[in-house]
Protein backbone atom coordinates (compact mmCIF):
# COMPACT_ATOMS: atom_id res chain seq x y z
CA VAL A 1 -0.09 0.17 0.08
CA THR A 2 1.61 3.60 -1.22
CA ASP A 3 0.16 6.31 1.45
CA ALA A 4 -0.23 9.94 1.19
CA THR A 5 2.64 10.82 0.94
CA GLY A 6 4.21 8.18 -1.93
CA VAL A 7 6.03 5.91 1.07
CA ALA A 8 4.59 1.87 0.37
CA ARG A 9 4.08 0.64 2.86
CA ALA A 10 3.58 -3.47 3.89
CA LEU A 11 0.04 -4.11 5.07
CA GLU A 12 1.45 -5.81 8.50
CA HIS A 13 2.56 -2.31 9.29
CA LEU A 14 -0.46 -0.68 9.10
CA SER A 15 -3.00 -0.40 12.18
CA SER A 16 -6.26 -2.42 12.08
CA GLY A 17 -7.99 0.70 11.23
CA MET A 18 -5.72 1.50 7.90
CA LYS A 19 -5.95 -2.06 7.17
CA ASP A 20 -9.76 -1.71 7.54
CA LEU A 21 -9.82 0.54 4.88
CA VAL A 22 -7.84 -0.62 2.18
CA VAL A 23 -10.14 -4.01 2.50
CA LEU A 24 -12.60 -1.41 1.95
CA ALA A 25 -11.47 0.00 -1.26
CA ALA A 26 -10.99 -3.74 -2.72
CA ARG A 27 -13.95 -4.40 -1.79
CA LEU A 28 -15.49 -1.18 -3.17
CA ALA A 29 -13.33 -2.06 -6.54
CA LEU A 30 -14.00 -5.37 -6.51
CA ALA A 31 -17.98 -4.86 -6.33
CA GLU A 32 -17.41 -2.31 -9.34
CA ALA A 33 -15.90 -4.96 -11.66
CA ALA A 34 -18.26 -7.47 -11.16
CA GLY A 35 -20.38 -5.19 -12.03
CA LYS A 36 -24.60 -6.62 -12.15
CA LEU A 37 -24.97 -7.41 -8.59
CA GLU A 38 -25.85 -4.19 -7.75
CA LEU A 39 -25.91 -4.94 -3.56
CA LEU A 40 -23.23 -4.21 -1.06
CA VAL A 41 -24.00 -5.50 2.40
CA LEU A 42 -20.96 -4.28 4.70
CA ASP A 43 -21.16 -5.75 8.75
CA GLU A 44 -19.60 -4.24 11.14
CA PRO A 45 -17.28 -2.64 8.62
CA PHE A 46 -16.18 0.55 10.20
CA VAL A 47 -15.22 -1.26 13.62
CA ASN A 48 -11.67 -0.57 13.99
CA LEU A 49 -11.90 3.22 12.44
CA ASP A 50 -11.92 6.54 15.08
CA GLU A 51 -14.77 9.08 13.94
CA GLY A 52 -12.69 10.89 11.42
CA ARG A 53 -11.59 7.55 9.30
CA GLU A 54 -15.01 6.79 10.35
CA ALA A 55 -16.97 9.39 8.32
CA ARG A 56 -14.90 9.05 5.90
CA ALA A 57 -15.62 5.31 4.92
CA VAL A 58 -19.34 6.53 5.12
CA GLN A 59 -17.98 8.93 2.48
CA MET A 60 -16.60 6.64 0.42
CA VAL A 61 -19.36 4.30 0.79
CA LYS A 62 -22.01 6.86 -0.37
CA ALA A 63 -19.80 7.99 -3.41
CA PHE A 64 -19.91 4.50 -4.38
CA GLN A 65 -23.40 4.52 -3.95
CA LYS A 66 -23.95 7.60 -6.36
CA LYS A 67 -21.62 6.60 -8.96
CA ASN A 68 -23.29 3.22 -9.16
CA GLY A 69 -27.03 3.25 -8.41
CA TRP A 70 -26.17 -0.16 -5.93
CA GLN A 71 -28.18 0.23 -2.40
CA VAL A 72 -25.94 -0.75 0.10
CA VAL A 73 -26.56 -2.53 3.39
CA VAL A 74 -24.55 -1.72 6.27
CA LEU A 75 -25.30 -3.74 9.55
CA THR A 76 -24.25 -2.23 12.83
CA LYS A 77 -25.28 -2.33 16.38
CA GLU A 78 -22.94 1.00 16.78
CA GLU A 79 -25.83 3.67 16.95
CA ARG A 80 -22.88 6.74 16.03
CA LEU A 81 -22.41 4.19 12.31
CA ALA A 82 -25.97 4.04 12.01
CA GLU A 83 -26.35 8.34 12.32
CA LEU A 84 -23.50 8.89 10.50
CA VAL A 85 -25.13 6.95 7.78
CA ALA A 86 -28.08 8.92 7.42
CA GLN A 87 -26.79 11.95 7.68
CA GLU A 88 -25.13 11.18 4.69
CA GLY A 89 -28.16 10.44 2.81
CA MET A 90 -27.80 6.86 2.63
CA GLU A 91 -31.44 6.34 3.42
CA PRO A 92 -33.43 4.90 4.37
CA VAL A 93 -32.13 3.76 7.74
CA VAL A 94 -33.96 0.75 9.42
CA SER A 95 -33.17 0.56 13.48
CA VAL A 96 -32.99 -3.23 15.00
CA ARG A 97 -32.16 -3.80 18.44
CA LEU A 98 -32.48 -7.17 19.56
CA GLY A 99 -32.59 -9.12 22.69
CA GLU A 100 -33.70 -5.24 24.73
CA ARG A 101 -36.28 -6.27 26.97
CA GLY A 102 -39.06 -3.49 28.31
C-alpha cells in the first residue's frame, strides 16, 4: 500500500483501522468490477476506525453508491454509525434492536 506521501508500506505495518480502509477500498473496487450484482452488504465494516476515518469511510461508500446506483446495506450495532449513515443520505436507515426487554 502506498500512503499519501508516496511511501510504500507493507500491510502488516498498518494499524487495524488502516487495514480496514484498505479492505473497504478493495471491496468497493471488486464490487464495481463485478457490475451486475447491485447490492453491497457490509457487516460491521468500520469497527477498528476512529471517528474521523469512519466518517471518511462512510463518504467512500456513499460515493460508490451514488456512482453505481447500488443498494448498500450496512449492518451495525453502533448507533453513532447508523446516525452517520443517515446524515450522509444513505437512507432508508432501519434500526432493529435485538435482545432488549422493556
